[in-house]
Protein backbone atom coordinates (compact mmCIF):
# COMPACT_ATOMS: atom_id res chain seq x y z
CA MET A 1 14.62 -62.18 -53.06
CA ARG A 2 13.63 -62.35 -49.03
CA PHE A 3 16.73 -61.15 -48.18
CA LEU A 4 16.65 -58.35 -50.32
CA PHE A 5 13.19 -57.39 -49.40
CA SER A 6 14.46 -57.23 -45.95
CA ILE A 7 17.19 -54.74 -46.58
CA LEU A 8 15.33 -52.50 -48.29
CA PHE A 9 12.46 -52.82 -45.34
CA ILE A 10 15.40 -51.89 -42.84
CA VAL A 11 16.65 -48.95 -45.37
CA GLY A 12 13.24 -47.53 -45.14
CA ILE A 13 12.75 -47.39 -42.30
CA ILE A 14 15.71 -46.02 -41.03
CA PHE A 15 14.99 -43.10 -44.31
CA ILE A 16 11.81 -42.60 -42.28
CA SER A 17 13.25 -41.73 -39.01
CA ASN A 18 15.82 -39.03 -40.32
CA GLU A 19 13.03 -37.60 -41.92
CA SER A 20 11.27 -37.34 -38.05
CA LEU A 21 14.37 -36.26 -36.32
CA ASN A 22 14.46 -33.38 -38.90
CA VAL A 23 11.16 -31.59 -38.63
CA PRO A 24 11.33 -28.84 -36.19
CA GLN A 25 9.95 -28.79 -33.16
CA TYR A 26 7.31 -25.88 -31.65
CA LYS A 27 7.02 -25.43 -27.91
CA PRO A 28 3.12 -25.20 -26.63
CA TYR A 29 2.38 -21.08 -27.42
CA SER A 30 2.08 -19.72 -24.10
CA SER A 31 -0.18 -16.57 -23.51
CA LYS A 32 1.81 -15.96 -20.40
CA ALA A 33 4.33 -14.64 -22.71
CA THR A 34 2.75 -11.79 -23.66
CA THR A 35 1.04 -10.60 -20.63
CA LYS A 36 1.64 -7.09 -19.39
CA PRO A 37 1.43 -6.06 -16.10
CA ASN A 38 -0.37 -4.10 -14.16
CA TYR A 39 0.05 -1.03 -13.32
CA ILE A 40 -1.51 1.62 -10.93
CA LEU A 41 -1.04 5.09 -11.45
CA VAL A 42 -0.72 7.40 -8.50
CA TYR A 43 -2.18 10.77 -9.35
CA LYS A 44 -0.78 13.38 -6.73
CA HIS A 45 -4.16 15.66 -6.31
CA ASN A 46 -3.37 16.59 -2.53
CA ILE A 47 0.15 17.42 -1.93
CA LEU A 48 2.55 18.21 1.53
CA ILE A 49 5.07 21.01 0.74
CA GLY A 50 7.17 22.38 3.38
CA ASP A 51 10.71 21.34 5.50
CA SER A 52 11.96 18.55 6.44
CA GLN A 53 9.35 17.31 9.04
CA THR A 54 7.10 16.86 5.43
CA PRO A 55 8.25 13.22 4.83
CA PHE A 56 7.54 12.24 7.90
CA ILE A 57 3.44 12.87 7.72
CA ASP A 58 3.78 11.47 3.82
CA GLU A 59 4.81 8.61 5.63
CA TRP A 60 1.29 7.57 7.47
CA SER A 61 -0.65 10.13 4.88
CA TYR A 62 -3.23 7.22 2.94
CA ASN A 63 -4.45 10.57 0.50
CA ALA A 64 -1.79 13.15 1.35
CA THR A 65 1.82 12.60 -0.41
CA LEU A 66 4.91 14.60 -1.55
CA LEU A 67 5.27 15.77 -5.17
CA ASN A 68 9.12 13.98 -5.09
CA LYS A 69 10.56 11.41 -2.28
CA ILE A 70 13.83 13.29 -2.87
CA GLY A 71 13.56 17.24 -1.66
CA SER A 72 13.88 20.13 -4.01
CA GLU A 73 12.89 23.73 -4.79
CA SER A 74 10.67 21.59 -7.81
CA SER A 75 9.18 19.32 -4.80
CA LEU A 76 8.10 21.79 -2.85
CA TRP A 77 9.97 20.84 -0.05
CA LYS A 78 13.34 20.87 1.41
CA GLY A 79 15.03 19.73 4.80
CA GLY A 80 16.38 23.21 6.75
CA ILE A 81 14.17 25.89 4.84
CA GLY A 82 12.21 28.16 6.27
CA LEU A 83 8.71 30.10 5.13
CA ASN A 84 10.43 32.53 2.67
CA TRP A 85 11.94 29.60 0.77
CA LEU A 86 9.20 27.45 0.40
CA LYS A 87 7.35 30.56 -1.10
CA LEU A 88 9.66 31.64 -3.60
CA ALA A 89 9.78 27.82 -4.56
CA VAL A 90 5.54 27.89 -5.07
CA THR A 91 6.32 30.93 -6.92
CA ASN A 92 8.05 29.33 -9.56
CA TYR A 93 6.08 26.38 -9.74
CA LYS A 94 3.54 26.14 -12.50
CA LEU A 95 -0.05 27.34 -12.07
CA ASP A 96 -1.55 23.84 -11.64
CA THR A 97 -5.60 23.81 -11.28
CA LEU A 98 -5.95 19.96 -10.82
CA ILE A 99 -4.42 19.55 -7.12
CA GLN A 100 -7.31 19.65 -4.64
CA SER A 101 -5.31 20.26 -1.64
CA VAL A 102 -1.94 21.99 0.01
CA THR A 103 -0.77 20.67 3.34
CA PHE A 104 1.41 23.43 4.49
CA CYS A 105 4.78 22.22 6.97
CA ILE A 106 6.49 25.17 7.99
CA GLY A 107 7.65 27.43 10.54
CA THR A 108 10.35 25.67 12.80
CA ASN A 109 13.09 26.08 10.65
CA GLY A 110 12.38 29.91 11.17
CA ARG A 111 11.96 29.58 14.94
CA PHE A 112 7.64 30.74 14.27
CA SER A 113 9.02 34.05 13.38
CA SER A 114 6.19 37.06 13.00
CA LYS A 115 8.54 38.57 10.79
CA ASP A 116 7.29 35.47 8.13
CA ASP A 117 5.47 36.60 5.07
CA ILE A 118 2.51 34.21 5.83
CA SER A 119 0.35 35.99 3.85
CA GLY A 120 2.58 36.12 0.98
CA LEU A 121 2.76 32.29 1.01
CA VAL A 122 -0.94 32.01 1.69
CA ASP A 123 -1.51 34.12 -1.19
CA ILE A 124 0.93 32.88 -3.98
CA THR A 125 -0.60 29.14 -3.15
CA LYS A 126 -4.00 29.83 -3.95
CA LYS A 127 -2.39 31.40 -7.50
CA ARG A 128 -0.92 28.56 -8.68
CA PHE A 129 -3.37 26.14 -6.91
CA PRO A 130 -7.01 27.84 -7.15
CA ASN A 131 -8.71 25.15 -6.46
CA ALA A 132 -7.03 23.59 -3.88
CA TYR A 133 -7.96 23.24 -0.24
CA LEU A 134 -5.45 24.90 2.30
CA TYR A 135 -3.91 23.22 5.94
CA VAL A 136 -1.41 23.74 8.56
CA VAL A 137 0.28 21.56 10.74
CA GLN A 138 1.86 23.61 13.36
CA GLY A 139 5.17 22.50 13.94
CA SER A 140 8.09 21.44 16.49
CA TRP A 141 9.86 23.03 19.75
CA GLY A 142 12.38 22.73 22.42
CA TRP A 143 14.73 21.09 20.66
CA GLY A 144 17.95 22.98 18.63
CA GLY A 145 17.59 26.34 17.80
CA ASN A 146 13.95 25.77 19.23
CA VAL A 147 14.96 25.07 22.52
CA ASN A 148 13.93 28.05 23.90
CA VAL A 149 10.46 28.53 21.47
CA THR A 150 7.52 28.34 23.63
CA LYS A 151 3.67 26.88 22.89
CA ALA A 152 2.52 30.54 23.56
CA VAL A 153 4.80 31.32 20.29
CA VAL A 154 3.71 28.81 17.92
CA ASP A 155 0.55 29.47 19.02
CA SER A 156 0.46 32.43 17.28
CA TYR A 157 2.12 31.43 14.70
CA TYR A 158 -0.15 29.54 13.13
CA THR A 159 -3.16 31.70 14.25
CA ARG A 160 -2.23 34.04 11.84
CA PHE A 161 -2.28 30.68 8.63
CA ASN A 162 -6.39 29.77 10.09
CA GLY A 163 -6.97 34.19 9.90
CA LEU A 164 -6.09 33.30 6.21
CA GLY A 165 -8.25 30.84 5.53
CA VAL A 166 -5.54 28.20 6.54
CA LYS A 167 -7.46 25.00 8.27
CA VAL A 168 -4.78 24.36 10.93
CA ILE A 169 -4.53 20.71 11.57
CA GLU A 170 -4.22 19.20 15.56
CA PRO A 171 -1.69 18.53 17.31
CA PRO A 172 1.40 20.15 16.66
CA ILE A 173 4.25 17.86 16.20
CA GLY A 174 5.43 19.26 19.51
CA LYS A 175 7.76 20.03 22.15
CA CYS A 176 10.52 17.44 20.40
CA GLU A 177 12.74 16.60 18.56
CA PRO A 178 10.83 15.83 15.06
CA HIS A 179 13.04 13.83 13.24
CA ASN A 180 11.37 10.44 14.09
CA VAL A 181 9.16 8.73 11.63
CA ASN A 182 7.80 6.74 14.46
CA LEU A 183 6.79 9.70 16.70
CA PRO A 184 3.28 8.72 17.80
CA GLN A 185 1.94 11.94 16.97
CA TYR A 186 2.32 12.09 13.01
CA LYS A 187 0.06 9.23 12.79
CA GLU A 188 -2.56 11.70 15.09
CA ILE A 189 -1.40 13.81 12.26
CA ALA A 190 -1.60 12.17 9.30
CA LYS A 191 -5.38 10.64 10.14
CA ASN A 192 -6.52 13.79 10.73
CA LEU A 193 -5.01 15.65 8.05
CA ASP A 194 -6.88 12.64 5.58
CA SER A 195 -10.17 12.65 7.64
CA LEU A 196 -10.60 16.51 6.28
CA ILE A 197 -8.97 15.31 2.80
CA SER A 198 -12.14 12.43 2.73
CA LYS A 199 -14.67 14.86 3.25
CA GLN A 200 -13.72 17.58 0.22
CA ARG A 201 -16.08 18.39 -2.67
């Protein structure tokens, strides 16, 4: 009798153990699994437009930015272009009342020509971005097709912008080969531009 009781006891333990093994195992809930990443939305309200020197200013500016890192008509900047190309690109751009400032970087590829329609560019920019302050960065000379361009020609070119109410940023990119993001003048231009943008109302 005692032997039979022992057998039943052992069988009971084995049965209970097997039942325990069949219970589903759940991992503790972790809130991290459903945590969404934080995103910072950057509003492009102060834009840089123009030629291949434009992205170098973008690299050092905290307040001004390109519409797009890839140059195209819709980005309003592209390497090798002149003022007439930029005027057409702005003409084809949609009205945007949220833009607070537009900074031109233009003139170099057209050799600072007296025939450039600066008034036309400024006029259409004011129509497309009616609430924007306007600034212009002075280009580069003394290299490529501009090797014989003088500082006097450059000064005369940007004086025309100034006469139309566009603030001229100092210093110029200057007499140099400009395709180097580490040129100190890009840092100074960006710093002075940022200072102006921070004072906008």
